[in-house]
């Protein structure tokens, strides 16, 4: 009998419980989560300060607890990093996920408590497999090995038994020892900090294994897979790993990479499943292979709120709980978690496609957009525009970033796109034309600003040298792990640095 058939029984009970997310009463699960979080944290410094012990229901919670950015929680988090206990969450938090920085800091350090590891991150990973097995009853994924990409970690100040690092490294470091029997590469290799060395070692350690499933960020995984092909001399991963059946991916949008994966993995049995697992929490996963929208996970240690993007940045914005969201509307996500992130504005934006069940698309970042001329271009627009341009020209995009040109020598304003192609279009200008047309079609604000070239002129596409984006990440000490280049910027800082390297 297949090992997967035997192991699959472990997931049966959870598969049954997941059905609660598809009922009209799903939002009630969120009330239970909030009650549980407040009760557990009521005796922490933050809980005492904001009256968690006498908070009864959502309205009290909103009245007693302010919205928070990283800056507002930073001093408390820093005390936690130095080993102080019962600050934002009960007990001592030993793990801190290193994330991209704020306006005043190079990096953020997101606390990851033991409760969050178990009831958010590992719960999400467990449910991903449960959902996949539900959709693919003939799976044999446990009959082989899991290739899981991770980052690295370092000591946290001088606090004993406390570390900071990529979330993926934290998850690998704390994984159940039994799970290590089913995963590759070996832990020492997975946690190497030098990605170029790690990439080669992962390829060499895994190319002769029976790999059935892979997990990681699409851009970094693609780099590893191409190295496997280089070393084996094969053109198709199906020749290297004939039983490979699924890629669990997240971190960046998969759209720009899909065609490249389909070219190197020809197996008709290959599946792709998106997950939304950030340093701050595991939020959603793709429950239907035919639907790109993600199912919001409602019974973990995460309570959700949402700010309509038209009110984002106001001193007193409207904030709604899950029951108050509308479909087709762009929201900034706010979370409260068992790591002590209270009413924390995470920086991601989402749009709900359904409320029964609650399903959503990741539309971008609150800070990663271009609105220099009132065009309100978001990452979701960019991904759709690039997908259309690639389809029309046969091109393949590997990496990209875009920013405004506020005024050139002829007093012209436009968007400048720096794109690294895996497969170049025959005509760059034609590619730019298709991209510009699609952006006008899907974004009325962009279309209005482009009208007769009065406010905003035709966008410009600049071809990036091979490996430019990896070179830029390397100069920042961010090569590998879960690091990624910001796709859209409202200023020219990042694109100018890249253009300087591109000369």
Protein backbone atom coordinates (compact mmCIF):
# COMPACT_ATOMS: atom_id res chain seq x y z
CA UNK A 1 0.00 0.00 0.00
CA UNK A 2 1.16 3.55 -0.75
CA UNK A 3 2.72 5.33 2.25
CA UNK A 4 0.62 8.37 1.28
CA UNK A 5 -2.58 6.34 1.73
CA UNK A 6 -1.49 5.44 5.26
CA UNK A 7 -0.25 8.91 6.23
CA UNK A 8 -3.31 10.50 4.62
CA UNK A 9 -5.51 9.27 7.48
CA UNK A 10 -3.75 11.75 9.78
CA UNK A 11 -5.39 14.58 7.83
CA UNK A 12 -8.96 13.20 7.73
CA UNK A 13 -10.20 14.86 10.91
CA UNK A 14 -8.84 18.26 9.90
CA UNK A 15 -10.31 17.93 6.40
CA UNK A 16 -13.70 17.52 8.06
CA UNK A 17 -13.17 20.58 10.30
CA UNK A 18 -12.12 22.71 7.31
CA UNK A 19 -15.68 22.37 6.02
CA UNK A 20 -16.64 25.01 8.63
CA UNK A 21 -14.90 27.61 6.47
CA UNK A 22 -17.47 27.03 3.72
CA UNK A 23 -20.57 27.72 5.82
CA UNK A 24 -22.43 31.05 6.25
CA UNK A 25 -21.39 30.99 9.93
CA UNK A 26 -17.65 31.01 9.11
CA UNK A 27 -17.18 34.58 10.43
CA UNK A 28 -18.28 33.37 13.88
CA UNK A 29 -14.98 31.49 14.10
CA UNK A 30 -13.28 34.89 14.21
CA UNK A 31 -15.19 35.89 17.34
CA UNK A 32 -13.88 32.74 19.02
CA UNK A 33 -10.33 33.59 17.95
CA UNK A 34 -10.52 37.13 19.38
CA UNK A 35 -11.89 35.87 22.69
CA UNK A 36 -9.12 33.27 22.92
CA UNK A 37 -6.33 35.77 22.15
CA UNK A 38 -7.58 38.38 24.62
CA UNK A 39 -8.04 35.85 27.40
CA UNK A 40 -4.53 34.47 27.00
CA UNK A 41 -2.84 37.91 26.82
CA UNK A 42 -4.85 39.74 29.48
CA UNK A 43 -2.03 39.63 32.05
CA UNK A 44 0.75 40.77 29.71
CA UNK A 45 2.00 44.36 29.91
CA UNK A 46 0.16 45.21 26.72
CA UNK A 47 -2.98 43.40 27.85
CA UNK A 48 -3.07 45.27 31.17
CA UNK A 49 -2.36 48.58 29.41
CA UNK A 50 -5.28 48.09 27.02
CA UNK A 51 -7.77 46.49 29.39
CA UNK A 52 -7.92 43.05 27.77
CA UNK A 53 -9.26 41.58 31.03
CA UNK A 54 -12.42 43.69 30.81
CA UNK A 55 -12.75 43.66 27.04
CA UNK A 56 -15.97 41.97 25.97
CA UNK A 57 -16.40 41.71 22.24
CA UNK A 58 -15.12 43.48 19.18
CA UNK A 59 -16.42 46.96 20.00
CA UNK A 60 -14.56 47.02 23.33
CA UNK A 61 -11.42 45.75 21.62
CA UNK A 62 -11.52 48.60 19.09
CA UNK A 63 -12.22 51.18 21.79
CA UNK A 64 -9.35 50.01 24.00
CA UNK A 65 -6.69 49.09 21.44
CA UNK A 66 -5.16 51.41 18.80
CA UNK A 67 -4.05 50.47 15.30
CA UNK A 68 -0.32 49.74 15.26
CA UNK A 69 2.53 49.89 12.79
CA UNK A 70 5.91 48.28 13.44
CA UNK A 71 7.25 51.60 14.75
CA UNK A 72 4.55 51.68 17.43
CA UNK A 73 5.39 48.17 18.66
CA UNK A 74 9.12 48.37 18.06
CA UNK A 75 10.19 49.29 21.61
CA UNK A 76 8.17 46.43 23.09
CA UNK A 77 9.53 44.01 20.47
CA UNK A 78 13.08 45.14 21.22
CA UNK A 79 12.56 44.40 24.92
CA UNK A 80 11.31 40.94 23.93
CA UNK A 81 14.42 40.45 21.81
CA UNK A 82 16.50 41.18 24.91
CA UNK A 83 14.73 38.36 26.76
CA UNK A 84 12.02 40.21 28.72
CA UNK A 85 8.85 38.22 29.30
CA UNK A 86 5.10 38.91 29.28
CA UNK A 87 5.36 42.02 27.12
CA UNK A 88 3.11 41.57 24.08
CA UNK A 89 2.46 37.85 24.59
CA UNK A 90 2.73 35.59 27.68
CA UNK A 91 6.12 34.14 28.50
CA UNK A 92 9.32 34.56 26.57
CA UNK A 93 9.44 34.73 22.78
CA UNK A 94 12.71 33.27 21.44
CA UNK A 95 12.26 33.55 17.68
CA UNK A 96 12.10 36.69 15.55
CA UNK A 97 11.47 36.61 11.81
CA UNK A 98 13.62 39.14 9.99
CA UNK A 99 11.61 41.02 7.41
CA UNK A 100 12.22 43.93 5.05
CA UNK A 101 12.66 47.23 6.85
CA UNK A 102 10.66 50.36 7.52
CA UNK A 103 11.43 53.96 6.72
CA UNK A 104 13.70 54.20 9.77
CA UNK A 105 15.15 50.69 9.98
CA UNK A 106 16.90 48.31 7.61
CA UNK A 107 14.94 45.35 9.00
CA UNK A 108 11.88 44.51 11.04
CA UNK A 109 12.01 41.73 13.61
CA UNK A 110 8.63 40.04 13.85
CA UNK A 111 8.12 38.00 17.04
CA UNK A 112 7.21 34.34 16.45
CA UNK A 113 5.97 32.77 19.67
CA UNK A 114 5.68 29.05 20.26
CA UNK A 115 1.91 29.43 20.09
CA UNK A 116 2.21 31.12 16.69
CA UNK A 117 4.52 28.40 15.41
CA UNK A 118 2.02 25.72 16.35
CA UNK A 119 -1.34 27.43 15.85
CA UNK A 120 -0.54 29.60 12.83
CA UNK A 121 2.48 28.57 10.75
CA UNK A 122 2.56 24.80 11.23
CA UNK A 123 -1.25 24.71 11.27
CA UNK A 124 -1.17 26.38 7.86
CA UNK A 125 1.37 23.90 6.51
CA UNK A 126 -0.71 20.99 7.81
CA UNK A 127 -3.86 22.40 6.20
CA UNK A 128 -2.07 22.93 2.89
CA UNK A 129 -1.36 19.21 2.72
CA UNK A 130 -4.86 18.37 3.95
CA UNK A 131 -6.37 20.54 1.20
CA UNK A 132 -4.04 19.13 -1.46
CA UNK A 133 -4.81 15.52 -0.53
CA UNK A 134 -8.53 16.30 -0.54
CA UNK A 135 -8.25 17.61 -4.10
CA UNK A 136 -5.85 14.86 -5.23
CA UNK A 137 -6.89 11.55 -3.67
CA UNK A 138 -4.46 9.62 -5.92
CA UNK A 139 -1.45 11.57 -4.61
CA UNK A 140 1.71 9.69 -3.67
CA UNK A 141 3.60 12.70 -2.27
CA UNK A 142 4.63 10.90 0.95
CA UNK A 143 6.14 8.04 -1.05
CA UNK A 144 9.11 10.31 -1.77
CA UNK A 145 10.92 13.36 -0.43
CA UNK A 146 9.91 17.00 0.05
CA UNK A 147 12.36 19.61 -1.22
CA UNK A 148 11.85 22.63 1.04
CA UNK A 149 13.80 25.84 0.50
CA UNK A 150 14.71 27.88 3.55
CA UNK A 151 16.69 30.94 4.51
CA UNK A 152 19.14 31.29 7.39
CA UNK A 153 19.24 32.52 10.98
CA UNK A 154 21.67 34.27 13.32
CA UNK A 155 22.03 34.88 17.08
CA UNK A 156 19.64 37.45 18.55
CA UNK A 157 21.68 40.04 20.49
CA UNK A 158 23.36 38.09 23.30
CA UNK A 159 20.14 36.49 24.49
CA UNK A 160 20.67 32.79 25.13
CA UNK A 161 18.66 30.33 23.05
CA UNK A 162 17.21 33.15 20.94
CA UNK A 163 17.63 33.66 17.21
CA UNK A 164 16.55 35.91 14.34
CA UNK A 165 16.24 34.83 10.73
CA UNK A 166 14.00 34.18 7.75
CA UNK A 167 10.65 32.68 8.68
CA UNK A 168 11.46 29.65 6.52
CA UNK A 169 14.63 29.05 8.56
CA UNK A 170 12.67 29.31 11.81
CA UNK A 171 10.17 26.76 10.55
CA UNK A 172 12.93 24.34 9.47
CA UNK A 173 14.80 24.78 12.77
CA UNK A 174 11.69 23.96 14.83
CA UNK A 175 10.14 21.28 12.62
CA UNK A 176 9.15 17.96 14.12
CA UNK A 177 12.18 15.61 13.85
CA UNK A 178 9.95 13.01 12.16
CA UNK A 179 9.26 15.49 9.35
CA UNK A 180 13.00 15.72 8.70
CA UNK A 181 12.92 12.08 7.58
CA UNK A 182 10.75 13.10 4.63
CA UNK A 183 12.47 16.32 3.60
CA UNK A 184 15.63 17.30 1.71
CA UNK A 185 18.22 18.79 1.74
CA UNK A 186 19.79 18.08 5.09
CA UNK A 187 19.19 20.75 7.71
CA UNK A 188 22.76 22.06 7.68
CA UNK A 189 22.51 22.75 3.94
CA UNK A 190 19.00 24.21 4.14
CA UNK A 191 20.13 26.82 6.68
CA UNK A 192 23.30 28.00 4.90
CA UNK A 193 23.41 31.79 4.58
CA UNK A 194 25.32 31.98 1.27
CA UNK A 195 22.62 31.30 -1.33
CA UNK A 196 25.04 30.68 -4.19
CA UNK A 197 26.79 27.94 -2.20
CA UNK A 198 23.49 26.64 -0.87
CA UNK A 199 21.91 26.48 -4.34
CA UNK A 200 24.68 24.21 -5.60
CA UNK A 201 24.67 21.97 -2.54
CA UNK A 202 20.87 21.61 -2.58
CA UNK A 203 21.00 20.59 -6.24
CA UNK A 204 23.75 18.02 -5.62
CA UNK A 205 22.03 16.56 -2.53
CA UNK A 206 18.63 16.23 -4.14
CA UNK A 207 19.19 15.39 -7.80
CA UNK A 208 19.37 11.62 -7.16
CA UNK A 209 16.54 11.55 -4.60
CA UNK A 210 12.90 10.65 -5.28
CA UNK A 211 11.53 14.17 -4.90
CA UNK A 212 7.72 14.22 -5.11
CA UNK A 213 6.95 17.76 -3.91
CA UNK A 214 8.72 21.10 -3.66
CA UNK A 215 8.03 24.17 -1.51
CA UNK A 216 9.41 27.70 -1.64
CA UNK A 217 9.45 31.12 -3.26
CA UNK A 218 9.08 30.72 -7.07
CA UNK A 219 12.10 32.87 -7.98
CA UNK A 220 14.55 31.09 -5.64
CA UNK A 221 13.15 27.65 -6.37
CA UNK A 222 13.55 28.25 -10.11
CA UNK A 223 17.20 29.05 -9.53
CA UNK A 224 17.70 25.75 -7.69
CA UNK A 225 15.81 23.74 -10.29
CA UNK A 226 17.85 25.16 -13.19
CA UNK A 227 21.00 24.17 -11.29
CA UNK A 228 19.64 20.62 -10.98
CA UNK A 229 19.12 20.57 -14.74
CA UNK A 230 22.64 21.93 -15.33
CA UNK A 231 24.24 19.25 -13.17
CA UNK A 232 22.21 16.37 -14.58
CA UNK A 233 22.37 17.52 -18.20
CA UNK A 234 18.61 17.07 -18.50
CA UNK A 235 16.16 19.46 -20.16
CA UNK A 236 13.13 18.39 -18.16
CA UNK A 237 12.77 17.85 -14.40
CA UNK A 238 10.36 15.02 -15.14
CA UNK A 239 13.45 13.06 -16.23
CA UNK A 240 15.23 13.83 -12.95
CA UNK A 241 12.25 13.44 -10.62
CA UNK A 242 9.62 11.40 -12.48
CA UNK A 243 7.33 11.34 -9.44
CA UNK A 244 7.32 15.11 -8.85
CA UNK A 245 3.66 16.09 -8.51
CA UNK A 246 3.23 19.46 -6.75
CA UNK A 247 4.85 22.82 -6.08
CA UNK A 248 3.60 24.61 -2.95
CA UNK A 249 4.57 28.21 -3.64
CA UNK A 250 4.21 31.66 -2.09
CA UNK A 251 6.07 34.86 -1.32
CA UNK A 252 5.70 36.43 -4.77
CA UNK A 253 3.05 36.18 -7.47
CA UNK A 254 3.39 33.01 -9.52
CA UNK A 255 2.06 34.48 -12.78
CA UNK A 256 5.44 35.67 -14.18
CA UNK A 257 6.99 32.27 -13.47
CA UNK A 258 4.27 29.81 -14.48
CA UNK A 259 5.34 29.42 -18.11
CA UNK A 260 8.96 28.85 -17.14
CA UNK A 261 7.95 26.09 -14.70
CA UNK A 262 5.71 24.49 -17.29
CA UNK A 263 8.63 24.47 -19.74
CA UNK A 264 10.99 22.61 -17.40
CA UNK A 265 8.33 20.32 -15.85
CA UNK A 266 6.35 18.66 -18.64
CA UNK A 267 4.59 16.03 -16.52
CA UNK A 268 0.80 16.16 -16.97
CA UNK A 269 0.49 15.14 -13.31
CA UNK A 270 2.16 18.33 -12.01
CA UNK A 271 0.10 20.58 -9.73
CA UNK A 272 0.67 24.09 -8.37
CA UNK A 273 -0.80 25.36 -5.09
CA UNK A 274 -0.37 28.88 -3.77
CA UNK A 275 -0.07 29.67 -0.08
CA UNK A 276 0.06 33.00 1.74
CA UNK A 277 2.49 32.52 4.61
CA UNK A 278 4.22 35.73 5.71
CA UNK A 279 6.52 36.43 8.65
CA UNK A 280 3.47 37.73 10.52
CA UNK A 281 1.23 34.73 9.89
CA UNK A 282 -0.26 32.11 7.59
CA UNK A 283 -3.33 33.74 6.08
CA UNK A 284 -4.64 31.78 3.13
CA UNK A 285 -4.23 28.99 0.63
CA UNK A 286 -5.55 27.97 -2.75
CA UNK A 287 -8.32 25.45 -2.17
CA UNK A 288 -9.43 25.18 -5.81
CA UNK A 289 -6.80 24.64 -8.53
CA UNK A 290 -9.09 26.36 -11.06
CA UNK A 291 -9.52 29.49 -8.90
CA UNK A 292 -6.54 31.77 -8.17
CA UNK A 293 -8.33 33.25 -5.14
CA UNK A 294 -7.16 32.04 -1.72
CA UNK A 295 -9.32 30.71 1.08
CA UNK A 296 -8.94 32.85 4.23
CA UNK A 297 -7.99 30.65 7.19
CA UNK A 298 -10.29 31.73 10.00
CA UNK A 299 -9.62 29.43 12.96
CA UNK A 300 -5.88 29.98 13.52
CA UNK A 301 -4.55 32.40 16.16
CA UNK A 302 -5.21 35.38 13.85
CA UNK A 303 -8.02 37.92 14.15
CA UNK A 304 -8.59 39.96 10.99
CA UNK A 305 -9.67 43.53 10.35
CA UNK A 306 -9.62 45.57 7.16
CA UNK A 307 -9.13 49.23 6.19
CA UNK A 308 -10.66 50.36 2.86
CA UNK A 309 -7.73 51.62 0.80
CA UNK A 310 -9.46 54.93 0.06
CA UNK A 311 -9.22 55.61 3.80
CA UNK A 312 -5.73 54.23 4.33
CA UNK A 313 -3.41 56.90 5.73
CA UNK A 314 -6.19 58.93 7.34
CA UNK A 315 -5.84 59.79 11.03
CA UNK A 316 -9.04 57.90 11.90
CA UNK A 317 -9.79 55.46 9.07
CA UNK A 318 -12.82 53.21 8.95
CA UNK A 319 -11.87 49.71 10.09
CA UNK A 320 -14.19 46.74 9.62
CA UNK A 321 -14.06 43.16 10.92
CA UNK A 322 -14.38 40.26 8.50
CA UNK A 323 -18.18 40.39 8.56
CA UNK A 324 -18.05 43.97 7.24
CA UNK A 325 -15.97 43.44 4.09
CA UNK A 326 -17.35 43.84 0.57
CA UNK A 327 -16.29 41.94 -2.52
CA UNK A 328 -14.39 43.79 -5.23
CA UNK A 329 -12.98 46.38 -2.81
CA UNK A 330 -9.30 46.91 -2.03
CA UNK A 331 -8.40 46.66 1.67
CA UNK A 332 -5.30 47.02 3.82
CA UNK A 333 -5.14 44.03 6.15
CA UNK A 334 -4.93 44.41 9.95
CA UNK A 335 -4.14 41.43 12.19
CA UNK A 336 -3.98 40.48 15.87
CA UNK A 337 -2.02 37.29 16.58
CA UNK A 338 -0.62 34.97 19.22
CA UNK A 339 2.79 36.57 18.70
CA UNK A 340 1.52 39.80 20.23
CA UNK A 341 0.92 41.76 17.04
CA UNK A 342 -2.15 43.72 18.17
CA UNK A 343 -4.24 45.46 15.50
CA UNK A 344 -1.08 45.40 13.40
CA UNK A 345 -1.21 46.96 9.93
CA UNK A 346 0.73 44.32 8.03
CA UNK A 347 1.24 46.31 4.83
CA UNK A 348 -0.47 43.88 2.42
CA UNK A 349 -3.58 44.71 0.44
CA UNK A 350 -6.29 42.21 -0.49
CA UNK A 351 -9.56 42.10 -2.40
CA UNK A 352 -12.34 39.63 -1.59
CA UNK A 353 -13.86 37.71 -4.48
CA UNK A 354 -16.37 35.85 -2.31
CA UNK A 355 -17.87 35.99 1.19
CA UNK A 356 -19.28 32.45 1.21
CA UNK A 357 -16.63 31.19 1.61
CA UNK A 358 -14.27 34.09 2.34
CA UNK A 359 -11.86 34.06 -0.61
CA UNK A 360 -9.48 36.79 -1.66
CA UNK A 361 -6.70 37.89 -3.97
CA UNK A 362 -3.46 39.53 -2.82
CA UNK A 363 -3.49 42.85 -4.67
CA UNK A 364 -0.20 44.33 -3.46
CA UNK A 365 1.41 46.30 -0.66
CA UNK A 366 0.29 49.51 0.97
CA UNK A 367 3.73 50.93 0.19
CA UNK A 368 4.39 49.11 -3.11
CA UNK A 369 2.32 51.01 -5.64
CA UNK A 370 2.70 53.93 -8.02
CA UNK A 371 0.45 56.90 -7.43
CA UNK A 372 2.74 59.73 -8.51
CA UNK A 373 0.13 61.23 -10.84
CA UNK A 374 -3.14 59.90 -9.41
CA UNK A 375 -2.98 56.65 -11.38
CA UNK A 376 -3.15 54.29 -8.35
CA UNK A 377 -1.30 51.43 -10.04
CA UNK A 378 -1.14 48.35 -7.80
CA UNK A 379 0.74 45.07 -8.10
CA UNK A 380 -2.34 43.17 -9.21
CA UNK A 381 -2.58 45.55 -12.20
CA UNK A 382 1.12 45.06 -12.97
CA UNK A 383 0.89 41.26 -12.89
CA UNK A 384 -2.13 41.21 -15.22
CA UNK A 385 -0.51 43.70 -17.58
CA UNK A 386 2.71 41.70 -17.81
CA UNK A 387 0.82 38.43 -18.27
CA UNK A 388 -1.04 39.96 -21.24
CA UNK A 389 2.11 41.42 -22.81
CA UNK A 390 3.92 38.09 -22.44
CA UNK A 391 1.01 36.22 -23.99
CA UNK A 392 0.87 38.59 -26.97
CA UNK A 393 4.63 38.61 -27.64
CA UNK A 394 5.80 35.17 -26.45
CA UNK A 395 8.07 36.79 -23.87
CA UNK A 396 8.79 35.48 -20.36
CA UNK A 397 9.47 37.81 -17.44
CA UNK A 398 11.86 36.71 -14.71
CA UNK A 399 12.02 39.81 -12.48
CA UNK A 400 10.84 43.40 -12.70
CA UNK A 401 10.41 46.68 -10.89
CA UNK A 402 8.74 49.92 -11.93
CA UNK A 403 8.81 53.52 -10.77
CA UNK A 404 7.70 56.95 -12.01
CA UNK A 405 9.79 59.34 -14.08
CA UNK A 406 8.53 62.61 -12.70
CA UNK A 407 9.83 64.82 -15.49
CA UNK A 408 12.48 64.29 -18.11
CA UNK A 409 14.34 66.85 -20.21
CA UNK A 410 11.23 67.38 -22.34
CA UNK A 411 8.97 67.85 -19.31
CA UNK A 412 7.43 64.42 -19.90
CA UNK A 413 6.20 62.13 -17.11
CA UNK A 414 5.88 58.36 -17.43
CA UNK A 415 6.36 55.01 -15.75
CA UNK A 416 9.70 53.26 -16.24
CA UNK A 417 9.77 49.46 -16.10
CA UNK A 418 13.06 47.61 -15.60
CA UNK A 419 12.51 44.00 -16.66
CA UNK A 420 14.77 40.96 -16.66
CA UNK A 421 13.45 38.58 -19.30
CA UNK A 422 13.85 34.83 -19.24
CA UNK A 423 12.79 35.01 -22.87
CA UNK A 424 13.01 38.39 -24.60
CA UNK A 425 10.27 39.65 -26.90
CA UNK A 426 11.28 40.21 -30.51
CA UNK A 427 10.31 43.84 -30.14
CA UNK A 428 10.63 45.59 -26.77
CA UNK A 429 8.47 48.52 -27.89
CA UNK A 430 5.67 46.20 -28.93
CA UNK A 431 5.85 44.55 -25.50
CA UNK A 432 5.62 48.00 -23.90
CA UNK A 433 2.61 48.84 -26.09
CA UNK A 434 0.70 45.74 -25.01
CA UNK A 435 1.57 46.37 -21.34
CA UNK A 436 0.42 49.99 -21.55
CA UNK A 437 -2.84 49.04 -23.30
CA UNK A 438 -3.69 46.37 -20.73
CA UNK A 439 -3.01 48.72 -17.81
CA UNK A 440 -5.41 51.23 -19.33
CA UNK A 441 -8.01 48.51 -19.77
CA UNK A 442 -7.92 47.29 -16.16
CA UNK A 443 -7.20 50.56 -14.32
CA UNK A 444 -9.51 53.49 -15.08
CA UNK A 445 -7.32 55.95 -13.14
CA UNK A 446 -4.29 54.98 -15.22
CA UNK A 447 -6.40 55.25 -18.38
CA UNK A 448 -7.60 58.73 -17.41
CA UNK A 449 -4.06 59.96 -16.75
CA UNK A 450 -2.90 58.49 -20.07
CA UNK A 451 -5.64 60.29 -22.03
CA UNK A 452 -3.98 62.01 -24.99
CA UNK A 453 -0.61 61.77 -23.15
CA UNK A 454 -1.54 64.92 -21.24
CA UNK A 455 -0.67 63.85 -17.68
CA UNK A 456 1.16 60.59 -18.22
CA UNK A 457 3.03 59.51 -21.31
CA UNK A 458 3.52 56.01 -22.72
CA UNK A 459 5.43 53.78 -20.32
CA UNK A 460 9.07 52.85 -20.99
CA UNK A 461 10.54 49.35 -20.74
CA UNK A 462 14.27 49.00 -20.01
CA UNK A 463 15.86 45.57 -20.47
CA UNK A 464 17.80 44.41 -17.41
CA UNK A 465 21.05 42.50 -17.71
CA UNK A 466 21.03 38.82 -16.80
CA UNK A 467 21.02 38.30 -13.01
CA UNK A 468 20.75 42.05 -12.31
CA UNK A 469 18.14 41.65 -9.58
CA UNK A 470 20.10 38.92 -7.83
CA UNK A 471 23.18 41.13 -7.97
CA UNK A 472 21.22 43.99 -6.35
CA UNK A 473 19.92 41.65 -3.63
CA UNK A 474 23.47 40.43 -3.04
CA UNK A 475 24.69 44.02 -2.50
CA UNK A 476 21.98 44.32 0.17
CA UNK A 477 22.92 41.03 1.82
CA UNK A 478 19.51 39.63 0.85
CA UNK A 479 20.30 36.95 -1.71
CA UNK A 480 18.15 33.87 -1.12
CA UNK A 481 15.65 33.10 1.62
CA UNK A 482 12.37 34.95 1.32
CA UNK A 483 13.82 38.26 0.14
CA UNK A 484 12.40 39.84 -2.99
CA UNK A 485 12.76 43.03 -5.00
CA UNK A 486 9.88 45.51 -4.51
CA UNK A 487 7.80 45.38 -7.70
CA UNK A 488 6.41 48.92 -7.63
CA UNK A 489 7.81 52.03 -5.96
CA UNK A 490 6.40 55.53 -5.69
CA UNK A 491 9.93 56.96 -5.78
CA UNK A 492 13.08 56.22 -7.78
CA UNK A 493 15.47 55.07 -5.05
CA UNK A 494 15.42 51.35 -5.89
CA UNK A 495 15.20 51.62 -9.67
CA UNK A 496 18.08 54.12 -9.76
CA UNK A 497 20.29 51.71 -7.79
CA UNK A 498 19.39 48.93 -10.22
CA UNK A 499 19.97 51.10 -13.28
CA UNK A 500 23.40 52.03 -11.93
CA UNK A 501 24.27 48.32 -11.69
CA UNK A 502 22.77 47.73 -15.15
CA UNK A 503 25.30 49.92 -16.95
